[in-house]
Amino acid sequence: MKTFGIYLAYGPRTDLRSEGLGRHLAEFLRASTDFTDARFVIAAPGWMRSPLLDLFKNFDLDADAFEIISPKRPSLIGVLYTSVIAVSERRKKIRKKLDGKGRLKKAATALKKLARRSFINVVRSRNPLVFVAVALFAIAAAPIAAILGLCVVVPIGALSLLRKVHPMRKIIRLKKTLDRNGFLTQLSHNGYRLMCDLEASSVADAASERRDVVAWYSPAAFWPEFNQITAPRVMCVPDAVPIHFSVAFATDEPSPDRRLQDFRRLESAIEGGDRFVTYSQDVRDRTLVRHFHIDPSRVTVVRHGANRLDDIIKVSGFADNEEATDVLSARHLWTALCKSMNNPNAAWYASKDTGFLFYASQIRPNKNVMTLLKAYQHLRHDRAFPYKLILTGNLEHSVDVSNFMDDMHLHDDVIFVRGLSERELASCYRLAALSVNPSLSEGGMPFTFSESVSVGTPVIMADIPVTREILGSHEVASKTLFDAMDYRAVARAIDNAMETREELLKLQEDFYSQHIVGRSYRDVVGETIAVLEQAAEFEEDKR
């Protein structure tokens, strides 16, 4: 049996479950277990062990089937960062425990109401005996109230006074002043980046020590440190979006400087790479060959497999399996909506026959979320559009999106959910009236098509080269693709798709069964192993 390695060096803030590359990795690892003559080990920082186990659990993968290699000694800055996170989490738990989910506040409010109600009842009663009883109780309780005042009120007042004169207050003021100028934020980012870089190098050293690994595979081009591994290497370049959307990324939050640093790292990783894999011919030709001047013979296209979600939620053994599947999906949808970021009442929609559009994506410049929101607002305002819109991105990642939501009063109609399990994601697709993907740039044909159509929901997508590669000039392309640069064109595409929903779904299901579903992730793993073996043979010949 041959052993191959997968190199990962994500930072400790990364949740693989919410990343498209994380889902692709999970499908890849799941399919790799079908090969009896090959196995994969994973080299990653120690802090990635927990996110990897969460990913395995989310996709029902056997964690024991994959060996995770980490540096024996994590970097000092990594230990410090982990300690800070541990302290922060501990403080949150203590605060939550003391608060008791707001029980103290609720009890105080209830006590106030009771006291007010009792006082009103006493005044209204006009019974002298009641007044006498209350007076006697007040006299008896006065010493106890005085003691409570000394034990509770005085210490709180002293602490408040101490906060005003304590030197720490000056330090906090200084921190706020520096933060206002972005100094501490930049310093924090640089420290975080240094920590990740040092750990990435340590992971590369740990990978080099594994002489039993035939070749190493990096599923992303984020890490120049991957090129430090002294063994045959293959780097996957899913895309290089900032090349084609430089202006958008230059003005993107949280900092243009960070985006530039990340892009420099991507350039360094590709320029120092040996052999490459891409998901599409477009990325191979336009990005690697033309922009980075990589020899075409060093690049292999390995397209995505079908991202099927039907097997996850469909049930059998009932009189009406479709209805039973919808019931199960509704339960998962309720759980998903409970994770809403911007609408505490979002879960209410799961119990109603409320239709919705669905877009599963992070909020990044190339994902084109703002255009979709403008199109939705246009439909909502001019056409009294009756559908909600559910997005999976993090609203806090874009000031522009957040401001637009506030200005257009969209929080009751546009719901942001995150941290979805695979079943919750599948249920959102299943119950959606329509899936919409306005993304302007992807590494391969968006997962949206196979994910949505596999569970019986039609989809419309932006007309971009990587999607055209798969759909070609087929009739399905004319019904599915739209001009994503114009929000009015997006609105028209949504309107047309809803009017011809059943016809569109039938057309897409036929194309899916003929051209998409036949390619599995077992094919992807098999082709990737072939590239890894070629890299190993090439290195052997050079020696």
Protein backbone atom coordinates (compact mmCIF):
# COMPACT_ATOMS: atom_id res chain seq x y z
CA MET A 1 0.00 0.00 0.00
CA LYS A 2 1.32 3.43 -0.97
CA THR A 3 1.11 6.34 1.46
CA PHE A 4 0.41 9.87 0.24
CA GLY A 5 0.33 13.04 2.30
CA ILE A 6 -2.00 16.03 2.48
CA TYR A 7 -0.48 19.27 3.75
CA LEU A 8 -2.68 21.79 5.61
CA ALA A 9 -1.61 24.95 7.44
CA TYR A 10 -4.79 26.89 8.13
CA GLY A 11 -4.75 29.30 11.07
CA PRO A 12 -6.47 28.51 14.38
CA ARG A 13 -9.44 30.73 13.51
CA THR A 14 -10.50 28.57 10.54
CA ASP A 15 -13.67 26.46 10.68
CA LEU A 16 -13.24 23.96 7.84
CA ARG A 17 -16.93 23.08 7.89
CA SER A 18 -17.90 26.51 6.57
CA GLU A 19 -15.27 26.62 3.81
CA GLY A 20 -15.81 25.32 0.28
CA LEU A 21 -12.29 23.88 0.36
CA GLY A 22 -13.14 22.13 3.62
CA ARG A 23 -16.17 20.45 2.07
CA HIS A 24 -14.09 19.48 -0.97
CA LEU A 25 -11.43 17.99 1.34
CA ALA A 26 -14.07 16.00 3.23
CA GLU A 27 -15.47 14.53 -0.01
CA PHE A 28 -11.93 13.74 -1.16
CA LEU A 29 -11.03 11.95 2.10
CA ARG A 30 -14.30 10.04 2.12
CA ALA A 31 -13.67 8.74 -1.40
CA SER A 32 -10.03 7.90 -0.59
CA THR A 33 -11.15 5.18 1.85
CA ASP A 34 -12.42 3.18 -1.15
CA PHE A 35 -8.82 2.60 -2.31
CA THR A 36 -7.24 -0.51 -0.83
CA ASP A 37 -3.81 0.18 -2.33
CA ALA A 38 -3.43 3.79 -1.17
CA ARG A 39 -3.90 5.78 2.01
CA PHE A 40 -3.57 9.42 3.01
CA VAL A 41 -1.96 10.97 6.08
CA ILE A 42 -2.53 14.62 7.01
CA ALA A 43 0.23 17.00 8.13
CA ALA A 44 -1.22 19.99 10.00
CA PRO A 45 -0.53 22.28 12.97
CA GLY A 46 -1.57 20.99 16.37
CA TRP A 47 -4.36 23.58 16.57
CA MET A 48 -5.98 22.06 13.47
CA ARG A 49 -6.63 18.72 15.10
CA SER A 50 -9.90 19.87 16.64
CA PRO A 51 -11.25 21.53 13.44
CA LEU A 52 -10.32 18.41 11.47
CA LEU A 53 -12.16 16.18 13.94
CA ASP A 54 -15.18 18.50 13.70
CA LEU A 55 -15.02 18.19 9.90
CA PHE A 56 -14.82 14.39 10.13
CA LYS A 57 -17.82 14.33 12.46
CA ASN A 58 -19.82 16.69 10.27
CA PHE A 59 -19.30 14.45 7.22
CA ASP A 60 -19.57 11.13 9.08
CA LEU A 61 -15.93 10.25 8.43
CA ASP A 62 -14.05 7.75 10.58
CA ALA A 63 -11.33 9.81 12.28
CA ASP A 64 -9.29 6.65 12.95
CA ALA A 65 -8.90 6.13 9.19
CA PHE A 66 -6.60 9.16 8.89
CA GLU A 67 -3.33 9.77 10.68
CA ILE A 68 -2.72 13.42 11.63
CA ILE A 69 0.93 14.49 11.78
CA SER A 70 1.82 17.61 13.77
CA PRO A 71 5.13 19.16 14.89
CA LYS A 72 6.34 17.61 18.12
CA ARG A 73 7.09 21.05 19.51
CA PRO A 74 4.64 23.81 18.55
CA SER A 75 6.13 27.29 18.15
CA LEU A 76 6.31 29.49 21.26
CA ILE A 77 4.04 32.10 19.74
CA GLY A 78 1.56 29.33 18.93
CA VAL A 79 1.53 28.24 22.58
CA LEU A 80 0.97 31.85 23.69
CA TYR A 81 -1.88 32.32 21.24
CA THR A 82 -3.51 29.05 22.28
CA SER A 83 -3.19 30.07 25.94
CA VAL A 84 -4.86 33.43 25.28
CA ILE A 85 -7.72 31.68 23.45
CA ALA A 86 -8.09 29.18 26.32
CA VAL A 87 -8.25 32.01 28.90
CA SER A 88 -10.78 33.90 26.77
CA GLU A 89 -13.00 30.82 26.40
CA ARG A 90 -12.72 30.17 30.14
CA ARG A 91 -13.85 33.73 30.91
CA LYS A 92 -16.83 33.31 28.60
CA LYS A 93 -17.84 30.08 30.33
CA ILE A 94 -17.54 31.64 33.79
CA ARG A 95 -19.54 34.69 32.71
CA LYS A 96 -22.20 32.47 31.17
CA LYS A 97 -22.35 30.33 34.29
CA LEU A 98 -22.68 33.33 36.58
CA ASP A 99 -25.31 34.88 34.37
CA GLY A 100 -27.21 31.60 34.14
CA LYS A 101 -28.54 32.43 30.66
CA GLY A 102 -29.97 35.69 32.00
CA ARG A 103 -31.74 34.11 34.94
CA LEU A 104 -30.36 36.70 37.39
CA LYS A 105 -31.59 39.55 35.23
CA LYS A 106 -34.98 37.88 34.76
CA ALA A 107 -35.29 37.26 38.50
CA ALA A 108 -34.49 40.92 39.26
CA THR A 109 -37.09 42.08 36.73
CA ALA A 110 -39.70 39.69 38.16
CA LEU A 111 -38.91 40.89 41.70
CA LYS A 112 -39.36 44.50 40.61
CA LYS A 113 -42.72 43.72 39.05
CA LEU A 114 -43.80 41.83 42.17
CA ALA A 115 -42.76 44.72 44.43
CA ARG A 116 -44.57 47.26 42.24
CA ARG A 117 -47.69 45.11 42.10
CA SER A 118 -47.63 44.53 45.87
CA PHE A 119 -47.24 48.26 46.58
CA ILE A 120 -50.20 49.07 44.30
CA ASN A 121 -52.32 46.40 46.00
CA VAL A 122 -51.44 47.77 49.43
CA VAL A 123 -52.40 51.32 48.40
CA ARG A 124 -55.64 50.17 46.83
CA SER A 125 -56.68 48.00 49.76
CA ARG A 126 -57.29 50.98 52.18
CA ASN A 127 -57.30 48.46 55.03
CA PRO A 128 -55.62 49.88 58.18
CA LEU A 129 -54.49 46.39 59.27
CA VAL A 130 -52.59 45.97 56.01
CA PHE A 131 -50.81 49.31 56.51
CA VAL A 132 -49.88 48.33 60.07
CA ALA A 133 -48.52 44.92 58.91
CA VAL A 134 -46.45 46.54 56.18
CA ALA A 135 -45.04 49.11 58.64
CA LEU A 136 -44.07 46.39 61.15
CA PHE A 137 -42.43 44.35 58.36
CA ALA A 138 -40.47 47.42 57.19
CA ILE A 139 -39.21 48.09 60.74
CA ALA A 140 -38.17 44.41 61.15
CA ALA A 141 -36.50 44.30 57.74
CA ALA A 142 -34.59 47.58 58.14
CA PRO A 143 -31.54 46.01 59.88
CA ILE A 144 -31.34 43.28 57.23
CA ALA A 145 -31.55 45.90 54.45
CA ALA A 146 -28.80 47.92 56.13
CA ILE A 147 -26.53 44.86 56.34
CA LEU A 148 -27.21 44.01 52.67
CA GLY A 149 -26.40 47.61 51.77
CA LEU A 150 -23.07 47.43 53.55
CA CYS A 151 -22.21 44.01 52.06
CA VAL A 152 -23.37 44.64 48.49
CA VAL A 153 -23.87 48.30 47.64
CA VAL A 154 -20.74 49.65 49.36
CA PRO A 155 -18.33 47.14 47.71
CA ILE A 156 -19.89 47.79 44.29
CA GLY A 157 -19.51 51.54 44.81
CA ALA A 158 -15.92 51.08 45.94
CA LEU A 159 -15.11 49.00 42.88
CA SER A 160 -16.69 51.62 40.62
CA LEU A 161 -14.58 54.34 42.29
CA LEU A 162 -11.47 52.20 42.01
CA ARG A 163 -12.03 51.72 38.29
CA LYS A 164 -12.08 55.50 37.84
CA VAL A 165 -8.75 56.12 39.58
CA HIS A 166 -6.91 52.84 38.84
CA PRO A 167 -3.93 53.10 36.43
CA MET A 168 -5.47 50.28 34.37
CA ARG A 169 -8.07 52.78 33.20
CA LYS A 170 -5.31 54.86 31.60
CA ILE A 171 -3.96 51.75 29.90
CA ILE A 172 -7.40 50.97 28.50
CA ARG A 173 -7.70 54.55 27.20
CA LEU A 174 -4.29 54.23 25.54
CA LYS A 175 -5.36 50.93 23.95
CA LYS A 176 -8.51 52.57 22.54
CA THR A 177 -6.47 55.46 21.13
CA LEU A 178 -4.05 53.09 19.45
CA ASP A 179 -6.89 50.93 18.16
CA ARG A 180 -8.48 54.02 16.64
CA ASN A 181 -5.36 54.46 14.54
CA GLY A 182 -5.29 50.77 13.63
CA PHE A 183 -1.85 50.27 15.20
CA LEU A 184 -2.77 47.44 17.57
CA THR A 185 -4.98 45.76 14.99
CA GLN A 186 -2.13 45.67 12.48
CA LEU A 187 0.32 44.53 15.17
CA SER A 188 -2.08 41.75 16.19
CA HIS A 189 -2.48 40.62 12.57
CA ASN A 190 1.30 40.61 11.99
CA GLY A 191 1.82 38.54 15.13
CA TYR A 192 -0.89 36.13 14.06
CA ARG A 193 0.62 35.85 10.58
CA LEU A 194 4.10 35.24 12.04
CA MET A 195 2.72 32.50 14.27
CA CYS A 196 1.01 30.78 11.32
CA ASP A 197 4.14 31.04 9.14
CA LEU A 198 6.41 29.56 11.79
CA GLU A 199 4.01 26.71 12.41
CA ALA A 200 3.59 26.10 8.67
CA SER A 201 7.37 25.70 8.37
CA SER A 202 7.36 23.28 11.31
CA VAL A 203 4.61 21.26 9.64
CA ALA A 204 6.72 21.10 6.45
CA ASP A 205 9.67 19.82 8.51
CA ALA A 206 7.47 17.17 10.13
CA ALA A 207 6.23 16.12 6.68
CA SER A 208 9.81 15.83 5.37
CA GLU A 209 10.63 13.39 8.14
CA ARG A 210 8.02 10.93 6.88
CA ARG A 211 10.12 8.91 4.43
CA ASP A 212 7.24 6.48 3.82
CA VAL A 213 5.15 9.15 2.05
CA VAL A 214 5.45 8.80 -1.75
CA ALA A 215 4.38 12.39 -2.51
CA TRP A 216 2.68 15.33 -0.81
CA TYR A 217 -0.45 17.16 -1.94
CA SER A 218 -1.52 20.68 -0.92
CA PRO A 219 -5.24 21.32 -1.63
CA ALA A 220 -4.66 25.10 -1.69
CA ALA A 221 -2.00 27.60 -2.76
CA PHE A 222 -2.04 29.57 0.49
CA TRP A 223 1.19 28.23 1.95
CA PRO A 224 4.65 28.92 0.44
CA GLU A 225 6.04 26.75 3.26
CA PHE A 226 4.65 23.68 1.44
CA ASN A 227 7.57 24.04 -0.99
CA GLN A 228 10.01 23.40 1.87
CA ILE A 229 9.05 19.71 1.96
CA THR A 230 11.95 17.61 0.72
CA ALA A 231 9.80 15.14 -1.19
CA PRO A 232 7.78 15.12 -4.44
CA ARG A 233 5.02 17.73 -4.22
CA VAL A 234 1.82 18.62 -6.07
CA MET A 235 0.03 21.89 -5.33
CA CYS A 236 -3.62 22.46 -6.16
CA VAL A 237 -4.47 26.00 -7.31
CA PRO A 238 -8.28 26.25 -7.05
CA ASP A 239 -8.18 29.88 -8.20
CA ALA A 240 -6.30 33.15 -7.81
CA VAL A 241 -9.25 35.49 -7.48
CA PRO A 242 -7.35 38.70 -6.50
CA ILE A 243 -5.65 38.65 -9.92
CA HIS A 244 -8.97 39.15 -11.69
CA PHE A 245 -10.66 41.25 -8.96
CA SER A 246 -7.74 43.32 -7.73
CA VAL A 247 -9.76 46.52 -7.21
CA ALA A 248 -12.48 44.74 -5.22
CA PHE A 249 -9.95 43.04 -2.97
CA ALA A 250 -7.89 46.23 -2.61
CA THR A 251 -10.88 48.01 -1.04
CA ASP A 252 -12.27 44.98 0.80
CA GLU A 253 -12.57 44.71 4.56
CA PRO A 254 -10.89 44.22 6.94
CA SER A 255 -7.67 45.65 5.48
CA PRO A 256 -6.24 46.11 1.97
CA ASP A 257 -2.76 45.53 3.43
CA ARG A 258 -3.77 42.09 4.63
CA ARG A 259 -5.20 41.21 1.23
CA LEU A 260 -1.95 42.29 -0.40
CA GLN A 261 0.06 40.16 2.04
CA ASP A 262 -2.15 37.15 1.32
CA PHE A 263 -1.76 37.68 -2.42
CA ARG A 264 2.04 37.91 -2.08
CA ARG A 265 1.97 34.60 -0.25
CA LEU A 266 -0.10 33.04 -3.04
CA GLU A 267 2.38 34.36 -5.63
CA SER A 268 5.31 32.98 -3.64
CA ALA A 269 3.65 29.58 -3.27
CA ILE A 270 2.93 29.24 -6.99
CA GLU A 271 6.29 30.58 -8.16
CA GLY A 272 8.10 28.14 -5.89
CA GLY A 273 5.87 25.21 -6.81
CA ASP A 274 6.80 22.11 -8.77
CA ARG A 275 3.73 20.40 -10.23
CA PHE A 276 0.14 21.66 -10.12
CA VAL A 277 -3.48 20.59 -10.22
CA THR A 278 -6.45 22.84 -11.08
CA TYR A 279 -10.21 22.24 -11.20
CA SER A 280 -10.73 23.82 -14.63
CA GLN A 281 -9.10 24.53 -17.96
CA ASP A 282 -9.78 28.24 -17.45
CA VAL A 283 -7.66 28.45 -14.28
CA ARG A 284 -4.96 26.35 -15.91
CA ASP A 285 -4.69 28.54 -19.01
CA ARG A 286 -5.63 32.01 -17.79
CA THR A 287 -4.05 31.95 -14.34
CA LEU A 288 -1.15 29.51 -14.23
CA VAL A 289 0.04 29.49 -17.85
CA ARG A 290 -0.61 33.09 -18.94
CA HIS A 291 -0.23 34.99 -15.68
CA PHE A 292 2.40 32.92 -13.84
CA HIS A 293 4.09 31.53 -16.97
CA ILE A 294 3.96 27.94 -15.70
CA ASP A 295 4.87 25.26 -18.25
CA PRO A 296 1.54 23.64 -19.28
CA SER A 297 3.11 20.17 -18.95
CA ARG A 298 3.40 20.79 -15.20
CA VAL A 299 -0.35 21.42 -14.77
CA THR A 300 -3.10 18.78 -14.74
CA VAL A 301 -6.82 19.54 -14.73
CA VAL A 302 -8.78 17.39 -12.25
CA ARG A 303 -12.39 18.52 -12.31
CA HIS A 304 -14.78 18.36 -9.35
CA GLY A 305 -16.86 15.30 -8.71
CA ALA A 306 -20.61 15.60 -8.25
CA ASN A 307 -21.42 17.05 -4.83
CA ARG A 308 -24.52 15.01 -4.13
CA LEU A 309 -26.70 15.80 -1.13
CA ASP A 310 -29.69 13.54 -1.85
CA ASP A 311 -28.33 10.51 0.00
CA ILE A 312 -27.95 12.56 3.17
CA ILE A 313 -31.59 13.51 3.72
CA LYS A 314 -33.75 11.24 1.56
CA VAL A 315 -35.63 8.60 3.54
CA SER A 316 -37.32 5.37 2.47
CA GLY A 317 -39.81 2.87 3.85
CA PHE A 318 -42.74 5.31 4.12
CA ALA A 319 -46.00 5.44 2.18
CA ASP A 320 -44.85 8.78 0.76
CA ASN A 321 -41.06 9.00 0.87
CA GLU A 322 -40.98 12.50 -0.64
CA GLU A 323 -43.28 13.88 2.03
CA ALA A 324 -41.29 12.12 4.77
CA THR A 325 -38.09 13.64 3.37
CA ASP A 326 -39.69 17.08 3.44
CA VAL A 327 -40.71 16.60 7.08
CA LEU A 328 -37.18 15.59 8.03
CA SER A 329 -35.76 18.50 6.04
CA ALA A 330 -38.08 20.93 7.81
CA ARG A 331 -36.66 19.82 11.15
CA HIS A 332 -33.10 20.37 9.93
CA LEU A 333 -34.12 23.73 8.46
CA TRP A 334 -35.50 24.81 11.84
CA THR A 335 -32.17 23.92 13.45
CA ALA A 336 -30.32 25.84 10.75
CA LEU A 337 -32.47 28.95 11.17
CA CYS A 338 -31.88 28.88 14.92
CA LYS A 339 -28.28 29.81 14.01
CA SER A 340 -29.41 33.04 12.35
CA MET A 341 -27.06 35.97 12.91
CA ASN A 342 -29.37 38.87 12.17
CA ASN A 343 -32.92 37.75 12.98
CA PRO A 344 -33.74 36.12 16.35
CA ASN A 345 -37.16 35.07 15.00
CA ALA A 346 -35.77 33.37 11.89
CA ALA A 347 -36.67 29.86 13.10
CA TRP A 348 -40.34 30.88 12.90
CA TYR A 349 -40.15 30.67 9.11
CA ALA A 350 -39.39 26.94 9.25
CA SER A 351 -42.83 26.26 10.73
CA LYS A 352 -44.61 28.19 7.97
CA ASP A 353 -45.10 27.52 4.28
CA THR A 354 -42.77 30.40 3.47
CA GLY A 355 -40.79 30.01 0.26
CA PHE A 356 -37.21 31.21 0.07
CA LEU A 357 -34.23 31.61 -2.25
CA PHE A 358 -30.92 30.11 -1.13
CA TYR A 359 -27.27 31.00 -1.70
CA ALA A 360 -24.56 28.99 0.09
CA SER A 361 -21.39 31.09 0.12
CA GLN A 362 -18.92 33.11 2.14
CA ILE A 363 -19.07 36.90 1.79
CA ARG A 364 -16.10 37.84 -0.39
CA PRO A 365 -15.76 40.30 -3.28
CA ASN A 366 -15.96 37.63 -5.98
CA LYS A 367 -19.04 36.02 -4.39
CA ASN A 368 -21.11 39.03 -5.54
CA VAL A 369 -23.47 39.06 -2.55
CA MET A 370 -24.22 42.78 -2.88
CA THR A 371 -25.56 42.35 -6.43
CA LEU A 372 -27.85 39.56 -5.25
CA LEU A 373 -29.12 41.72 -2.38
CA LYS A 374 -29.80 44.61 -4.78
CA ALA A 375 -31.67 42.26 -7.12
CA TYR A 376 -33.69 40.90 -4.20
CA GLN A 377 -34.51 44.40 -2.95
CA HIS A 378 -35.57 45.35 -6.50
CA LEU A 379 -37.96 42.38 -6.65
CA ARG A 380 -39.22 42.99 -3.14
CA HIS A 381 -39.89 46.70 -3.71
CA ASP A 382 -41.19 46.70 -7.28
CA ARG A 383 -42.78 43.28 -7.62
CA ALA A 384 -43.92 42.54 -4.04
CA PHE A 385 -41.75 39.43 -4.20
CA PRO A 386 -43.18 36.99 -1.60
CA TYR A 387 -40.04 34.94 -0.98
CA LYS A 388 -37.37 35.22 1.72
CA LEU A 389 -33.64 34.99 1.01
CA ILE A 390 -31.33 32.76 3.07
CA LEU A 391 -27.54 33.19 2.90
CA THR A 392 -24.85 31.20 4.69
CA GLY A 393 -22.17 33.91 4.86
CA ASN A 394 -21.08 35.81 7.95
CA LEU A 395 -22.79 39.21 7.93
CA GLU A 396 -20.00 40.66 10.10
CA HIS A 397 -17.45 40.08 7.33
CA SER A 398 -18.69 42.98 5.21
CA VAL A 399 -19.52 46.50 6.35
CA ASP A 400 -21.09 47.24 2.95
CA VAL A 401 -23.48 44.29 3.18
CA SER A 402 -24.34 45.09 6.79
CA ASN A 403 -25.06 48.75 5.98
CA PHE A 404 -27.18 47.80 2.97
CA MET A 405 -29.21 45.43 5.13
CA ASP A 406 -29.82 48.23 7.64
CA ASP A 407 -30.58 50.93 5.06
CA MET A 408 -33.05 48.76 3.12
CA HIS A 409 -34.64 47.26 6.28
CA LEU A 410 -33.99 43.72 5.04
CA HIS A 411 -33.38 41.90 8.32
CA ASP A 412 -36.87 40.36 8.37
CA ASP A 413 -36.55 39.08 4.79
CA VAL A 414 -32.84 38.24 4.35
CA ILE A 415 -31.52 35.75 6.88
CA PHE A 416 -27.84 34.92 7.42
CA VAL A 417 -27.10 31.51 8.91
CA ARG A 418 -23.71 29.91 9.51
CA GLY A 419 -22.04 26.80 10.87
CA LEU A 420 -24.46 24.46 9.07
CA SER A 421 -24.01 20.73 9.24
CA GLU A 422 -24.12 18.77 5.99
CA ARG A 423 -27.72 17.69 6.68
CA GLU A 424 -28.79 21.26 7.46
CA LEU A 425 -27.17 22.47 4.25
CA ALA A 426 -28.92 19.73 2.26
CA SER A 427 -32.25 20.63 3.87
CA CYS A 428 -31.86 24.30 2.96
CA TYR A 429 -31.29 23.28 -0.66
CA ARG A 430 -34.16 20.79 -0.57
CA LEU A 431 -36.79 23.22 0.72
CA ALA A 432 -35.65 26.27 -1.25
CA ALA A 433 -37.86 27.44 -4.09
CA LEU A 434 -34.72 28.31 -6.06
CA SER A 435 -30.94 28.30 -5.57
CA VAL A 436 -29.08 31.36 -6.83
CA ASN A 437 -25.31 31.67 -7.31
CA PRO A 438 -24.13 35.08 -8.63
CA SER A 439 -20.41 34.36 -8.01
CA LEU A 440 -18.15 36.09 -10.54
CA SER A 441 -15.17 33.79 -10.17
CA GLU A 442 -14.65 30.19 -9.03
CA GLY A 443 -11.94 27.58 -9.42
CA GLY A 444 -14.30 25.08 -11.01
CA MET A 445 -17.99 24.79 -11.77
CA PRO A 446 -19.74 25.87 -8.53
CA PHE A 447 -20.88 23.10 -6.20
CA THR A 448 -24.30 24.79 -6.27
CA PHE A 449 -25.47 23.02 -9.44
CA SER A 450 -25.03 19.42 -8.27
CA GLU A 451 -25.91 20.17 -4.64
CA SER A 452 -29.19 21.84 -5.57
CA VAL A 453 -30.37 19.66 -8.45
CA SER A 454 -29.50 16.44 -6.57
CA VAL A 455 -32.20 17.26 -3.98
CA GLY A 456 -34.79 18.45 -6.49
CA THR A 457 -34.33 22.24 -6.50
CA PRO A 458 -33.63 24.25 -9.68
CA VAL A 459 -30.67 26.62 -9.79
CA ILE A 460 -29.54 29.70 -11.69
CA MET A 461 -25.91 30.84 -11.80
CA ALA A 462 -23.63 33.56 -13.07
CA ASP A 463 -22.33 33.15 -16.61
CA ILE A 464 -18.60 32.60 -15.95
CA PRO A 465 -15.95 30.62 -17.92
CA VAL A 466 -15.57 27.69 -15.50
CA THR A 467 -19.32 27.06 -15.62
CA ARG A 468 -19.43 27.36 -19.40
CA GLU A 469 -16.76 24.65 -19.56
CA ILE A 470 -19.27 22.17 -18.17
CA LEU A 471 -22.59 23.47 -19.48
CA GLY A 472 -21.19 24.41 -22.90
CA SER A 473 -23.78 25.64 -25.40
CA HIS A 474 -26.37 23.16 -24.22
CA GLU A 475 -29.95 24.40 -23.85
CA VAL A 476 -29.58 24.17 -20.08
CA ALA A 477 -26.96 26.94 -20.20
CA SER A 478 -29.36 29.44 -21.78
CA LYS A 479 -31.95 28.75 -19.06
CA THR A 480 -29.48 28.59 -16.15
CA LEU A 481 -26.90 31.35 -16.65
CA PHE A 482 -27.34 35.10 -16.22
CA ASP A 483 -25.34 38.32 -16.39
CA ALA A 484 -24.18 38.75 -12.79
CA MET A 485 -22.78 42.27 -13.32
CA ASP A 486 -26.26 43.83 -13.52
CA TYR A 487 -28.64 43.45 -10.56
CA ARG A 488 -31.64 44.00 -12.85
CA ALA A 489 -30.50 41.06 -15.00
CA VAL A 490 -30.21 38.94 -11.85
CA ALA A 491 -33.72 40.00 -10.81
CA ARG A 492 -35.09 39.08 -14.25
CA ALA A 493 -33.36 35.70 -14.10
CA ILE A 494 -34.92 34.98 -10.69
CA ASP A 495 -38.34 36.07 -11.93
CA ASN A 496 -38.11 33.92 -15.07
CA ALA A 497 -36.84 30.90 -13.13
CA MET A 498 -39.76 31.09 -10.69
CA GLU A 499 -42.28 31.35 -13.53
CA THR A 500 -40.84 28.27 -15.32
CA ARG A 501 -39.63 26.44 -12.21
CA GLU A 502 -40.81 22.92 -13.08
CA GLU A 503 -39.63 23.15 -16.69
CA LEU A 504 -36.21 24.44 -15.56
CA LEU A 505 -35.85 21.68 -12.96
CA LYS A 506 -36.68 18.96 -15.50
CA LEU A 507 -34.10 20.36 -17.96
CA GLN A 508 -31.41 20.53 -15.28
CA GLU A 509 -32.17 17.07 -13.87
CA ASP A 510 -31.75 15.57 -17.35
CA PHE A 511 -28.40 17.32 -17.81
CA TYR A 512 -27.33 16.33 -14.28
CA SER A 513 -28.07 12.65 -14.87
CA GLN A 514 -26.32 12.62 -18.27
CA HIS A 515 -23.22 14.78 -17.64
CA ILE A 516 -22.68 15.46 -13.93
CA VAL A 517 -23.62 12.61 -11.61
CA GLY A 518 -21.45 10.08 -13.44
CA ARG A 519 -18.26 11.74 -12.18
CA SER A 520 -17.69 10.80 -8.54
CA TYR A 521 -15.08 11.85 -6.03
CA ARG A 522 -13.57 8.40 -6.43
CA ASP A 523 -12.60 9.55 -9.93
CA VAL A 524 -11.12 12.73 -8.44
CA VAL A 525 -9.03 10.79 -5.93
CA GLY A 526 -7.89 8.31 -8.57
CA GLU A 527 -6.73 11.08 -10.94
CA THR A 528 -4.99 12.94 -8.09
CA ILE A 529 -3.14 9.78 -7.05
CA ALA A 530 -2.00 9.36 -10.66
CA VAL A 531 -0.58 12.92 -10.64
CA LEU A 532 1.17 12.26 -7.31
CA GLU A 533 2.73 9.07 -8.66
CA GLN A 534 3.92 10.90 -11.78
CA ALA A 535 5.53 13.56 -9.57
CA ALA A 536 7.30 10.84 -7.58
CA GLU A 537 8.51 9.10 -10.76
CA PHE A 538 9.76 12.40 -12.18
CA GLU A 539 11.77 13.10 -9.02
CA GLU A 540 13.16 9.57 -9.11
CA ASP A 541 14.27 10.00 -12.73
CA LYS A 542 16.03 13.29 -11.89
CA ARG A 543 18.12 11.49 -9.30
